[in-house]
Structure formats: structure tokens, C-alpha cells
Amino acid sequence: MADGSAAPILAGDLDRLFRLDGRVAIVTGASSGLGVRFTEVLRAVGATVVVCARRADRLAELAERLPGIVTVIADVTDPAGRDAVVAAALDVTGRIDVLVNNAGVGTPVAAEDEPVEDFAHVVDVNLTSVFALSQLVGRQMLAQGHGSIINVASILGLVASAPIKQASYAASKAGVINLTRELAVQWARKGVRVNALAPGWFLSEKTTLMWEDPASIAFLRSNAPMGRGGEAWELDGALLFLAGDASSYVTGHTLTVDGGWTAR
């Protein structure tokens, strides 16, 4: 609507809260793990999904399995790559409705041993590129008067990662959370919502070794209030809530899906 408010939804039409029919969504880092799952879920509720990643073979496999998605081989730290992703999304219908900033990196290393250039690289991928793509997509969303940006943060942006040592990852994800707040407040009156999704311990390409290590599994069972890590499908509801009309009056929020980890 003109004032940025959502169109009313009647009680008999609640399905619309979580549908994205006719909308265009971008998912970064979609060549593996949670990015693949996010793509599947958004497509399942009617969105045309534009995905990007650096690994062409993975994107080709995804496109074969999920007909109708649009794939772009791109590095989110590269301005040309970001431009290509936005251009591909606009080619669909001329607008962008949802952006999921999912691309991220991180390697455990003791703070005293982490080279400064490695720290800077993690921040560049996990934080700077999130701002840059949000800015690019945000300009389009501001022009059209609506849009939802979902920044994939982490519980490690809210609490320390001990006993795993990863200062750069934790710092970058904390930055994502406050960047989310700042963008949300700046754009709140212009119809653009910005929220963060903060997963706890989920199986992904980056955490495979953790799930294969009996000591790590024992650590999770002992310390997670629900006694386990998360299953990929347990992020589906949170993603759809933030992407669609169900969260039309929610912005600047960080939604943790962590089995109670940050409540300890």
C-alpha cells in the first residue's frame, strides 16, 4: 500500500500469510546446505527464486532438480557479481520482493593465531557483502515501495562460540545483527523490512565435521537445552514468516532458531 502498510488479510484467507506466489526472491550462497533448503522452500510457496554461488557445478545440479529457478554464478564480494544477480532478478518481473543474504564463510582458529587478512576476508564475505547487496537490492525495493530482506546471522553473533574459536565469524555475525537493525529503522517508513535469522547448531557444509565427531555431538546434547542440534526443516517456518506477509509488522528483529541455546 502507499503508506508501506500491508494489505489486510481476512481470517478465511490465512494461507496468504505464507505464500509468495508471483514474487521474486534472491538467495545467496545457494550451492549447498541451508542455501539449498531456503531455495527449495521459497520455490515451494510460489516464488521465482534467483540463486547465486561461485560453484557452477552445484548450481547446475540445483537447477536440474528445481526447474524454474534462475542461477547466477557470482561471488557476492565482487561488485560485478552482485550487479549480475540483481539484473537476473529484475529480468523476471522487473521487481525484487525478497532477499536472503545467506552466503558466509568461517574457519575455527585461535584469535592469537588468526592472520588479520583472514579476519578481514571473513568480514568482507559475511558483513560487507551483506551491506553491499542489501544496498543494491534496497534501492530497488525502496523504489517499488515494498520488500523483505532476511540476513542470515547466527547465534554466534549474540554469544561467544566457545569452545570453538572463531573471532572473525562471531564478530561478522554480530555486525550483521546490528546492520539489520540499522537498515530496518532507516527503511521502515518506506515499505522495506529488514530482519535477521539466527540459526543455532545446524548441519551444513561448514559443520559436517562437527556432526561426525562423537565429542561434538556429546557437547551439543549436554549444552543445548533441547539436547540436540537442529534439523534443516526446522528453519522453514522462520524463513517463511520473515519473507512473507505473516511478518508485515516485524522489522529490525533477530529471530533465533536455536533450541534454547541463547536462553541459557
C-alpha atoms as a PDB file:
ATOM      1  CA  MET A   1       0.000   0.000   0.000  1.00  0.00           C
ATOM      2  CA  ALA A   2       1.072   3.624  -0.477  1.00  0.00           C
ATOM      3  CA  ASP A   3       1.954   4.188   3.162  1.00  0.00           C
ATOM      4  CA  GLY A   4       4.013   0.994   3.380  1.00  0.00           C
ATOM      5  CA  SER A   5       1.381  -0.930   5.347  1.00  0.00           C
ATOM      6  CA  ALA A   6       0.328  -4.413   4.303  1.00  0.00           C
ATOM      7  CA  ALA A   7      -2.946  -5.236   2.593  1.00  0.00           C
ATOM      8  CA  PRO A   8      -5.432  -6.679   5.116  1.00  0.00           C
ATOM      9  CA  ILE A   9      -5.801 -10.455   5.230  1.00  0.00           C
ATOM     10  CA  LEU A  10      -9.138 -11.956   6.237  1.00  0.00           C
ATOM     11  CA  ALA A  11      -9.327 -14.844   8.689  1.00  0.00           C
ATOM     12  CA  GLY A  12     -10.545 -17.135   5.937  1.00  0.00           C
ATOM     13  CA  ASP A  13      -7.508 -16.383   3.785  1.00  0.00           C
ATOM     14  CA  LEU A  14      -4.677 -17.123   6.197  1.00  0.00           C
ATOM     15  CA  ASP A  15      -2.825 -19.223   3.638  1.00  0.00           C
ATOM     16  CA  ARG A  16      -1.734 -15.945   2.048  1.00  0.00           C
ATOM     17  CA  LEU A  17       0.388 -15.166   5.095  1.00  0.00           C
ATOM     18  CA  PHE A  18       2.996 -17.668   3.994  1.00  0.00           C
ATOM     19  CA  ARG A  19       2.536 -17.749   0.211  1.00  0.00           C
ATOM     20  CA  LEU A  20       4.877 -15.947  -2.169  1.00  0.00           C
ATOM     21  CA  ASP A  21       3.053 -16.509  -5.440  1.00  0.00           C
ATOM     22  CA  GLY A  22       4.258 -14.177  -8.176  1.00  0.00           C
ATOM     23  CA  ARG A  23       7.095 -12.804  -6.074  1.00  0.00           C
ATOM     24  CA  VAL A  24      10.799 -12.851  -6.860  1.00  0.00           C
ATOM     25  CA  ALA A  25      13.352 -13.899  -4.255  1.00  0.00           C
ATOM     26  CA  ILE A  26      17.150 -13.897  -4.270  1.00  0.00           C
ATOM     27  CA  VAL A  27      19.132 -16.428  -2.226  1.00  0.00           C
ATOM     28  CA  THR A  28      22.912 -16.087  -1.984  1.00  0.00           C
ATOM     29  CA  GLY A  29      25.240 -18.923  -1.084  1.00  0.00           C
ATOM     30  CA  ALA A  30      22.784 -21.375  -2.613  1.00  0.00           C
ATOM     31  CA  SER A  31      25.179 -24.097  -3.720  1.00  0.00           C
ATOM     32  CA  SER A  32      24.953 -26.144  -0.522  1.00  0.00           C
ATOM     33  CA  GLY A  33      23.476 -26.561   2.932  1.00  0.00           C
ATOM     34  CA  LEU A  34      20.937 -24.077   4.215  1.00  0.00           C
ATOM     35  CA  GLY A  35      21.031 -22.063   0.995  1.00  0.00           C
ATOM     36  CA  VAL A  36      19.738 -25.060  -0.940  1.00  0.00           C
ATOM     37  CA  ARG A  37      16.999 -25.619   1.622  1.00  0.00           C
ATOM     38  CA  PHE A  38      15.970 -21.950   1.551  1.00  0.00           C
ATOM     39  CA  THR A  39      15.709 -22.156  -2.242  1.00  0.00           C
ATOM     40  CA  GLU A  40      13.531 -25.267  -2.074  1.00  0.00           C
ATOM     41  CA  VAL A  41      11.205 -23.725   0.494  1.00  0.00           C
ATOM     42  CA  LEU A  42      10.732 -20.366  -1.232  1.00  0.00           C
ATOM     43  CA  ARG A  43      10.072 -22.103  -4.541  1.00  0.00           C
ATOM     44  CA  ALA A  44       7.555 -24.425  -2.879  1.00  0.00           C
ATOM     45  CA  VAL A  45       5.394 -21.477  -1.786  1.00  0.00           C
ATOM     46  CA  GLY A  46       5.271 -19.913  -5.226  1.00  0.00           C
ATOM     47  CA  ALA A  47       8.285 -17.624  -5.503  1.00  0.00           C
ATOM     48  CA  THR A  48      10.547 -17.436  -8.516  1.00  0.00           C
ATOM     49  CA  VAL A  49      13.945 -17.907  -6.906  1.00  0.00           C
ATOM     50  CA  VAL A  50      17.171 -16.424  -8.239  1.00  0.00           C
ATOM     51  CA  VAL A  51      20.153 -18.184  -6.702  1.00  0.00           C
ATOM     52  CA  CYS A  52      23.814 -17.341  -6.775  1.00  0.00           C
ATOM     53  CA  ALA A  53      27.018 -19.042  -5.730  1.00  0.00           C
ATOM     54  CA  ARG A  54      30.542 -19.472  -7.024  1.00  0.00           C
ATOM     55  CA  ARG A  55      30.351 -23.194  -7.816  1.00  0.00           C
ATOM     56  CA  ALA A  56      28.835 -23.646 -11.265  1.00  0.00           C
ATOM     57  CA  ASP A  57      28.521 -27.422 -10.994  1.00  0.00           C
ATOM     58  CA  ARG A  58      26.475 -27.189  -7.813  1.00  0.00           C
ATOM     59  CA  LEU A  59      24.156 -24.579  -9.323  1.00  0.00           C
ATOM     60  CA  ALA A  60      23.686 -26.698 -12.434  1.00  0.00           C
ATOM     61  CA  GLU A  61      22.670 -29.666 -10.283  1.00  0.00           C
ATOM     62  CA  LEU A  62      20.242 -27.489  -8.335  1.00  0.00           C
ATOM     63  CA  ALA A  63      18.669 -26.074 -11.495  1.00  0.00           C
ATOM     64  CA  GLU A  64      18.179 -29.573 -12.887  1.00  0.00           C
ATOM     65  CA  ARG A  65      16.446 -30.674  -9.709  1.00  0.00           C
ATOM     66  CA  LEU A  66      14.379 -27.495  -9.263  1.00  0.00           C
ATOM     67  CA  PRO A  67      13.059 -26.382 -12.661  1.00  0.00           C
ATOM     68  CA  GLY A  68      12.186 -22.711 -12.859  1.00  0.00           C
ATOM     69  CA  ILE A  69      14.889 -21.304 -10.616  1.00  0.00           C
ATOM     70  CA  VAL A  70      17.325 -18.798 -12.101  1.00  0.00           C
ATOM     71  CA  THR A  71      21.019 -19.446 -11.458  1.00  0.00           C
ATOM     72  CA  VAL A  72      23.823 -16.887 -11.485  1.00  0.00           C
ATOM     73  CA  ILE A  73      27.464 -17.792 -10.986  1.00  0.00           C
ATOM     74  CA  ALA A  74      28.678 -14.939  -8.818  1.00  0.00           C
ATOM     75  CA  ASP A  75      30.895 -14.009  -5.897  1.00  0.00           C
ATOM     76  CA  VAL A  76      28.982 -11.705  -3.538  1.00  0.00           C
ATOM     77  CA  THR A  77      32.195  -9.862  -2.670  1.00  0.00           C
ATOM     78  CA  ASP A  78      32.559  -8.808  -6.317  1.00  0.00           C
ATOM     79  CA  PRO A  79      30.549  -5.734  -7.393  1.00  0.00           C
ATOM     80  CA  ALA A  80      30.113  -7.189 -10.885  1.00  0.00           C
ATOM     81  CA  GLY A  81      28.750 -10.395  -9.371  1.00  0.00           C
ATOM     82  CA  ARG A  82      26.234  -8.506  -7.247  1.00  0.00           C
ATOM     83  CA  ASP A  83      25.137  -6.478 -10.266  1.00  0.00           C
ATOM     84  CA  ALA A  84      24.614  -9.689 -12.247  1.00  0.00           C
ATOM     85  CA  VAL A  85      22.421 -11.205  -9.534  1.00  0.00           C
ATOM     86  CA  VAL A  86      20.211  -8.124  -9.302  1.00  0.00           C
ATOM     87  CA  ALA A  87      19.951  -7.856 -13.085  1.00  0.00           C
ATOM     88  CA  ALA A  88      18.888 -11.507 -13.340  1.00  0.00           C
ATOM     89  CA  ALA A  89      16.211 -10.986 -10.689  1.00  0.00           C
ATOM     90  CA  LEU A  90      14.851  -7.861 -12.356  1.00  0.00           C
ATOM     91  CA  ASP A  91      14.669  -9.702 -15.671  1.00  0.00           C
ATOM     92  CA  VAL A  92      11.961 -11.949 -14.188  1.00  0.00           C
ATOM     93  CA  THR A  93       9.224  -9.380 -13.469  1.00  0.00           C
ATOM     94  CA  GLY A  94      11.016  -6.068 -13.014  1.00  0.00           C
ATOM     95  CA  ARG A  95      10.985  -6.187  -9.227  1.00  0.00           C
ATOM     96  CA  ILE A  96      12.611  -7.938  -6.256  1.00  0.00           C
ATOM     97  CA  ASP A  97      10.417  -8.931  -3.317  1.00  0.00           C
ATOM     98  CA  VAL A  98      12.706 -10.961  -1.056  1.00  0.00           C
ATOM     99  CA  LEU A  99      16.465 -11.047  -0.489  1.00  0.00           C
ATOM    100  CA  VAL A 100      18.045 -13.781   1.624  1.00  0.00           C
ATOM    101  CA  ASN A 101      21.658 -12.885   2.410  1.00  0.00           C
ATOM    102  CA  ASN A 102      22.883 -16.384   3.190  1.00  0.00           C
ATOM    103  CA  ALA A 103      26.445 -16.550   1.816  1.00  0.00           C
ATOM    104  CA  GLY A 104      29.039 -16.889   4.547  1.00  0.00           C
ATOM    105  CA  VAL A 105      32.415 -18.321   5.485  1.00  0.00           C
ATOM    106  CA  GLY A 106      34.284 -19.112   8.664  1.00  0.00           C
ATOM    107  CA  THR A 107      37.128 -21.330   9.833  1.00  0.00           C
ATOM    108  CA  PRO A 108      37.848 -22.074  13.501  1.00  0.00           C
ATOM    109  CA  VAL A 109      41.194 -20.673  14.630  1.00  0.00           C
ATOM    110  CA  ALA A 110      42.512 -19.224  17.882  1.00  0.00           C
ATOM    111  CA  ALA A 111      42.313 -15.427  17.953  1.00  0.00           C
ATOM    112  CA  GLU A 112      46.030 -15.098  18.676  1.00  0.00           C
ATOM    113  CA  ASP A 113      46.846 -17.121  15.560  1.00  0.00           C
ATOM    114  CA  GLU A 114      44.352 -15.726  13.051  1.00  0.00           C
ATOM    115  CA  PRO A 115      46.045 -13.573  10.396  1.00  0.00           C
ATOM    116  CA  VAL A 116      44.488 -10.132  10.135  1.00  0.00           C
ATOM    117  CA  GLU A 117      43.982 -10.607   6.397  1.00  0.00           C
ATOM    118  CA  ASP A 118      41.957 -13.776   7.077  1.00  0.00           C
ATOM    119  CA  PHE A 119      39.839 -11.884   9.612  1.00  0.00           C
ATOM    120  CA  ALA A 120      39.235  -9.171   7.020  1.00  0.00           C
ATOM    121  CA  HIS A 121      38.218 -11.749   4.408  1.00  0.00           C
ATOM    122  CA  VAL A 122      35.579 -13.262   6.699  1.00  0.00           C
ATOM    123  CA  VAL A 123      34.196  -9.805   7.469  1.00  0.00           C
ATOM    124  CA  ASP A 124      34.183  -8.980   3.753  1.00  0.00           C
ATOM    125  CA  VAL A 125      32.115 -12.055   2.878  1.00  0.00           C
ATOM    126  CA  ASN A 126      29.860 -12.184   5.936  1.00  0.00           C
ATOM    127  CA  LEU A 127      29.226  -8.488   6.580  1.00  0.00           C
ATOM    128  CA  THR A 128      30.461  -6.096   3.911  1.00  0.00           C
ATOM    129  CA  SER A 129      28.865  -8.055   1.072  1.00  0.00           C
ATOM    130  CA  VAL A 130      25.606  -8.221   3.036  1.00  0.00           C
ATOM    131  CA  PHE A 131      25.558  -4.444   3.237  1.00  0.00           C
ATOM    132  CA  ALA A 132      26.538  -4.021  -0.409  1.00  0.00           C
ATOM    133  CA  LEU A 133      23.873  -6.373  -1.779  1.00  0.00           C
ATOM    134  CA  SER A 134      21.248  -5.069   0.647  1.00  0.00           C
ATOM    135  CA  GLN A 135      22.036  -1.551  -0.539  1.00  0.00           C
ATOM    136  CA  LEU A 136      21.725  -2.557  -4.188  1.00  0.00           C
ATOM    137  CA  VAL A 137      18.509  -4.523  -3.710  1.00  0.00           C
ATOM    138  CA  GLY A 138      17.263  -1.995  -1.162  1.00  0.00           C
ATOM    139  CA  ARG A 139      17.317   0.771  -3.749  1.00  0.00           C
ATOM    140  CA  GLN A 140      15.022  -1.302  -5.944  1.00  0.00           C
ATOM    141  CA  MET A 141      12.733  -2.184  -3.030  1.00  0.00           C
ATOM    142  CA  LEU A 142      12.541   1.453  -1.954  1.00  0.00           C
ATOM    143  CA  ALA A 143      11.581   2.459  -5.481  1.00  0.00           C
ATOM    144  CA  GLN A 144       8.809  -0.135  -5.620  1.00  0.00           C
ATOM    145  CA  GLY A 145       7.655   0.597  -2.053  1.00  0.00           C
ATOM    146  CA  HIS A 146       7.955  -2.873  -0.580  1.00  0.00           C
ATOM    147  CA  GLY A 147      10.355  -5.720   0.094  1.00  0.00           C
ATOM    148  CA  SER A 148      11.714  -8.073   2.716  1.00  0.00           C
ATOM    149  CA  ILE A 149      15.409  -8.566   3.395  1.00  0.00           C
ATOM    150  CA  ILE A 150      16.473 -11.513   5.535  1.00  0.00           C
ATOM    151  CA  ASN A 151      20.063 -11.524   6.735  1.00  0.00           C
ATOM    152  CA  VAL A 152      21.257 -14.937   7.847  1.00  0.00           C
ATOM    153  CA  ALA A 153      23.205 -14.223  11.016  1.00  0.00           C
ATOM    154  CA  SER A 154      23.998 -16.801  13.714  1.00  0.00           C
ATOM    155  CA  ILE A 155      23.611 -17.311  17.413  1.00  0.00           C
ATOM    156  CA  LEU A 156      27.358 -16.682  17.435  1.00  0.00           C
ATOM    157  CA  GLY A 157      26.542 -13.059  16.686  1.00  0.00           C
ATOM    158  CA  LEU A 158      24.792 -12.976  20.048  1.00  0.00           C
ATOM    159  CA  VAL A 159      27.015 -15.151  22.257  1.00  0.00           C
ATOM    160  CA  ALA A 160      30.605 -16.386  22.228  1.00  0.00           C
ATOM    161  CA  SER A 161      31.325 -19.528  20.234  1.00  0.00           C
ATOM    162  CA  ALA A 162      33.339 -21.285  22.961  1.00  0.00           C
ATOM    163  CA  PRO A 163      34.755 -23.873  22.941  1.00  0.00           C
ATOM    164  CA  ILE A 164      35.073 -23.332  19.186  1.00  0.00           C
ATOM    165  CA  LYS A 165      37.427 -20.436  18.486  1.00  0.00           C
ATOM    166  CA  GLN A 166      36.311 -18.160  15.641  1.00  0.00           C
ATOM    167  CA  ALA A 167      36.605 -14.495  16.456  1.00  0.00           C
ATOM    168  CA  SER A 168      36.168 -13.305  12.872  1.00  0.00           C
ATOM    169  CA  TYR A 169      32.979 -15.291  12.326  1.00  0.00           C
ATOM    170  CA  ALA A 170      31.446 -14.182  15.631  1.00  0.00           C
ATOM    171  CA  ALA A 171      32.361 -10.548  15.030  1.00  0.00           C
ATOM    172  CA  SER A 172      30.998 -10.561  11.484  1.00  0.00           C
ATOM    173  CA  LYS A 173      27.686 -12.108  12.516  1.00  0.00           C
ATOM    174  CA  ALA A 174      27.318  -9.617  15.367  1.00  0.00           C
ATOM    175  CA  GLY A 175      27.819  -6.911  12.767  1.00  0.00           C
ATOM    176  CA  VAL A 176      25.107  -8.454  10.606  1.00  0.00           C
ATOM    177  CA  ILE A 177      22.655  -8.282  13.502  1.00  0.00           C
ATOM    178  CA  ASN A 178      23.191  -4.592  14.166  1.00  0.00           C
ATOM    179  CA  LEU A 179      23.350  -3.785  10.457  1.00  0.00           C
ATOM    180  CA  THR A 180      19.914  -5.410  10.276  1.00  0.00           C
ATOM    181  CA  ARG A 181      18.603  -3.081  12.971  1.00  0.00           C
ATOM    182  CA  GLU A 182      20.073  -0.012  11.314  1.00  0.00           C
ATOM    183  CA  LEU A 183      18.732  -0.755   7.837  1.00  0.00           C
ATOM    184  CA  ALA A 184      15.359  -1.681   9.305  1.00  0.00           C
ATOM    185  CA  VAL A 185      14.980   1.648  11.065  1.00  0.00           C
ATOM    186  CA  GLN A 186      16.192   3.665   8.072  1.00  0.00           C
ATOM    187  CA  TRP A 187      13.758   1.971   5.683  1.00  0.00           C
ATOM    188  CA  ALA A 188      10.810   1.208   7.974  1.00  0.00           C
ATOM    189  CA  ARG A 189       8.586   4.038   6.692  1.00  0.00           C
ATOM    190  CA  LYS A 190       9.304   3.184   3.070  1.00  0.00           C
ATOM    191  CA  GLY A 191       7.844  -0.311   2.989  1.00  0.00           C
ATOM    192  CA  VAL A 192      11.105  -2.245   3.231  1.00  0.00           C
ATOM    193  CA  ARG A 193      11.503  -4.648   6.139  1.00  0.00           C
ATOM    194  CA  VAL A 194      14.891  -5.963   7.254  1.00  0.00           C
ATOM    195  CA  ASN A 195      15.195  -8.841   9.708  1.00  0.00           C
ATOM    196  CA  ALA A 196      17.799 -11.415  10.671  1.00  0.00           C
ATOM    197  CA  LEU A 197      17.555 -15.159  11.059  1.00  0.00           C
ATOM    198  CA  ALA A 198      19.983 -16.536  13.639  1.00  0.00           C
ATOM    199  CA  PRO A 199      20.280 -20.326  13.437  1.00  0.00           C
ATOM    200  CA  GLY A 200      21.826 -22.342  16.205  1.00  0.00           C
ATOM    201  CA  TRP A 201      23.743 -25.536  15.537  1.00  0.00           C
ATOM    202  CA  PHE A 202      22.511 -26.945  12.229  1.00  0.00           C
ATOM    203  CA  LEU A 203      24.100 -29.476   9.918  1.00  0.00           C
ATOM    204  CA  SER A 204      25.597 -27.709   6.908  1.00  0.00           C
ATOM    205  CA  GLU A 205      28.668 -27.977   4.735  1.00  0.00           C
ATOM    206  CA  LYS A 206      30.595 -25.895   7.266  1.00  0.00           C
ATOM    207  CA  THR A 207      29.575 -28.041  10.244  1.00  0.00           C
ATOM    208  CA  THR A 208      29.843 -31.526   8.712  1.00  0.00           C
ATOM    209  CA  LEU A 209      32.899 -32.448  10.757  1.00  0.00           C
ATOM    210  CA  MET A 210      31.103 -31.435  13.941  1.00  0.00           C
ATOM    211  CA  TRP A 211      28.254 -33.841  13.176  1.00  0.00           C
ATOM    212  CA  GLU A 212      30.738 -36.632  12.543  1.00  0.00           C
ATOM    213  CA  ASP A 213      32.579 -36.119  15.816  1.00  0.00           C
ATOM    214  CA  PRO A 214      31.181 -38.035  18.843  1.00  0.00           C
ATOM    215  CA  ALA A 215      32.664 -35.483  21.256  1.00  0.00           C
ATOM    216  CA  SER A 216      30.906 -32.628  19.437  1.00  0.00           C
ATOM    217  CA  ILE A 217      27.591 -34.470  19.471  1.00  0.00           C
ATOM    218  CA  ALA A 218      28.025 -35.117  23.190  1.00  0.00           C
ATOM    219  CA  PHE A 219      28.767 -31.407  23.665  1.00  0.00           C
ATOM    220  CA  LEU A 220      25.531 -30.469  21.914  1.00  0.00           C
ATOM    221  CA  ARG A 221      23.483 -32.947  23.875  1.00  0.00           C
ATOM    222  CA  SER A 222      24.911 -31.686  27.146  1.00  0.00           C
ATOM    223  CA  ASN A 223      24.663 -27.956  26.471  1.00  0.00           C
ATOM    224  CA  ALA A 224      21.690 -27.378  24.175  1.00  0.00           C
ATOM    225  CA  PRO A 225      18.529 -27.009  26.292  1.00  0.00           C
ATOM    226  CA  MET A 226      16.655 -29.230  23.817  1.00  0.00           C
ATOM    227  CA  GLY A 227      19.524 -31.712  23.893  1.00  0.00           C
ATOM    228  CA  ARG A 228      20.288 -31.734  20.160  1.00  0.00           C
ATOM    229  CA  GLY A 229      21.187 -29.742  17.095  1.00  0.00           C
ATOM    230  CA  GLY A 230      18.613 -28.506  14.612  1.00  0.00           C
ATOM    231  CA  GLU A 231      17.228 -30.197  11.515  1.00  0.00           C
ATOM    232  CA  ALA A 232      17.234 -28.121   8.311  1.00  0.00           C
ATOM    233  CA  TRP A 233      13.426 -28.203   8.021  1.00  0.00           C
ATOM    234  CA  GLU A 234      13.147 -26.541  11.430  1.00  0.00           C
ATOM    235  CA  LEU A 235      14.189 -23.237   9.817  1.00  0.00           C
ATOM    236  CA  ASP A 236      11.425 -23.374   7.201  1.00  0.00           C
ATOM    237  CA  GLY A 237       8.746 -21.700   9.302  1.00  0.00           C
ATOM    238  CA  ALA A 238      11.042 -18.900  10.430  1.00  0.00           C
ATOM    239  CA  LEU A 239      12.146 -18.231   6.857  1.00  0.00           C
ATOM    240  CA  LEU A 240       8.593 -18.085   5.523  1.00  0.00           C
ATOM    241  CA  PHE A 241       7.460 -15.929   8.435  1.00  0.00           C
ATOM    242  CA  LEU A 242      10.126 -13.315   7.709  1.00  0.00           C
ATOM    243  CA  ALA A 243       9.808 -13.498   3.919  1.00  0.00           C
ATOM    244  CA  GLY A 244       6.045 -13.098   3.585  1.00  0.00           C
ATOM    245  CA  ASP A 245       3.078 -11.151   4.846  1.00  0.00           C
ATOM    246  CA  ALA A 246       2.938 -13.003   8.168  1.00  0.00           C
ATOM    247  CA  SER A 247       5.652 -10.627   9.424  1.00  0.00           C
ATOM    248  CA  SER A 248       4.305  -7.454   7.818  1.00  0.00           C
ATOM    249  CA  TYR A 249       4.641  -5.571  11.130  1.00  0.00           C
ATOM    250  CA  VAL A 250       8.043  -7.032  12.046  1.00  0.00           C
ATOM    251  CA  THR A 251      11.297  -5.282  11.222  1.00  0.00           C
ATOM    252  CA  GLY A 252      14.694  -4.960  12.868  1.00  0.00           C
ATOM    253  CA  HIS A 253      14.174  -8.289  14.597  1.00  0.00           C
ATOM    254  CA  THR A 254      16.633 -11.161  15.019  1.00  0.00           C
ATOM    255  CA  LEU A 255      14.772 -14.453  15.131  1.00  0.00           C
ATOM    256  CA  THR A 256      16.814 -17.142  16.855  1.00  0.00           C
ATOM    257  CA  VAL A 257      16.105 -20.772  15.988  1.00  0.00           C
ATOM    258  CA  ASP A 258      18.474 -22.488  18.353  1.00  0.00           C
ATOM    259  CA  GLY A 259      16.723 -24.984  20.636  1.00  0.00           C
ATOM    260  CA  GLY A 260      17.116 -22.543  23.526  1.00  0.00           C
ATOM    261  CA  TRP A 261      20.905 -22.075  23.204  1.00  0.00           C
ATOM    262  CA  THR A 262      20.898 -18.285  23.690  1.00  0.00           C
ATOM    263  CA  ALA A 263      18.385 -18.513  26.522  1.00  0.00           C
ATOM    264  CA  ARG A 264      20.793 -20.382  28.790  1.00  0.00           C
END
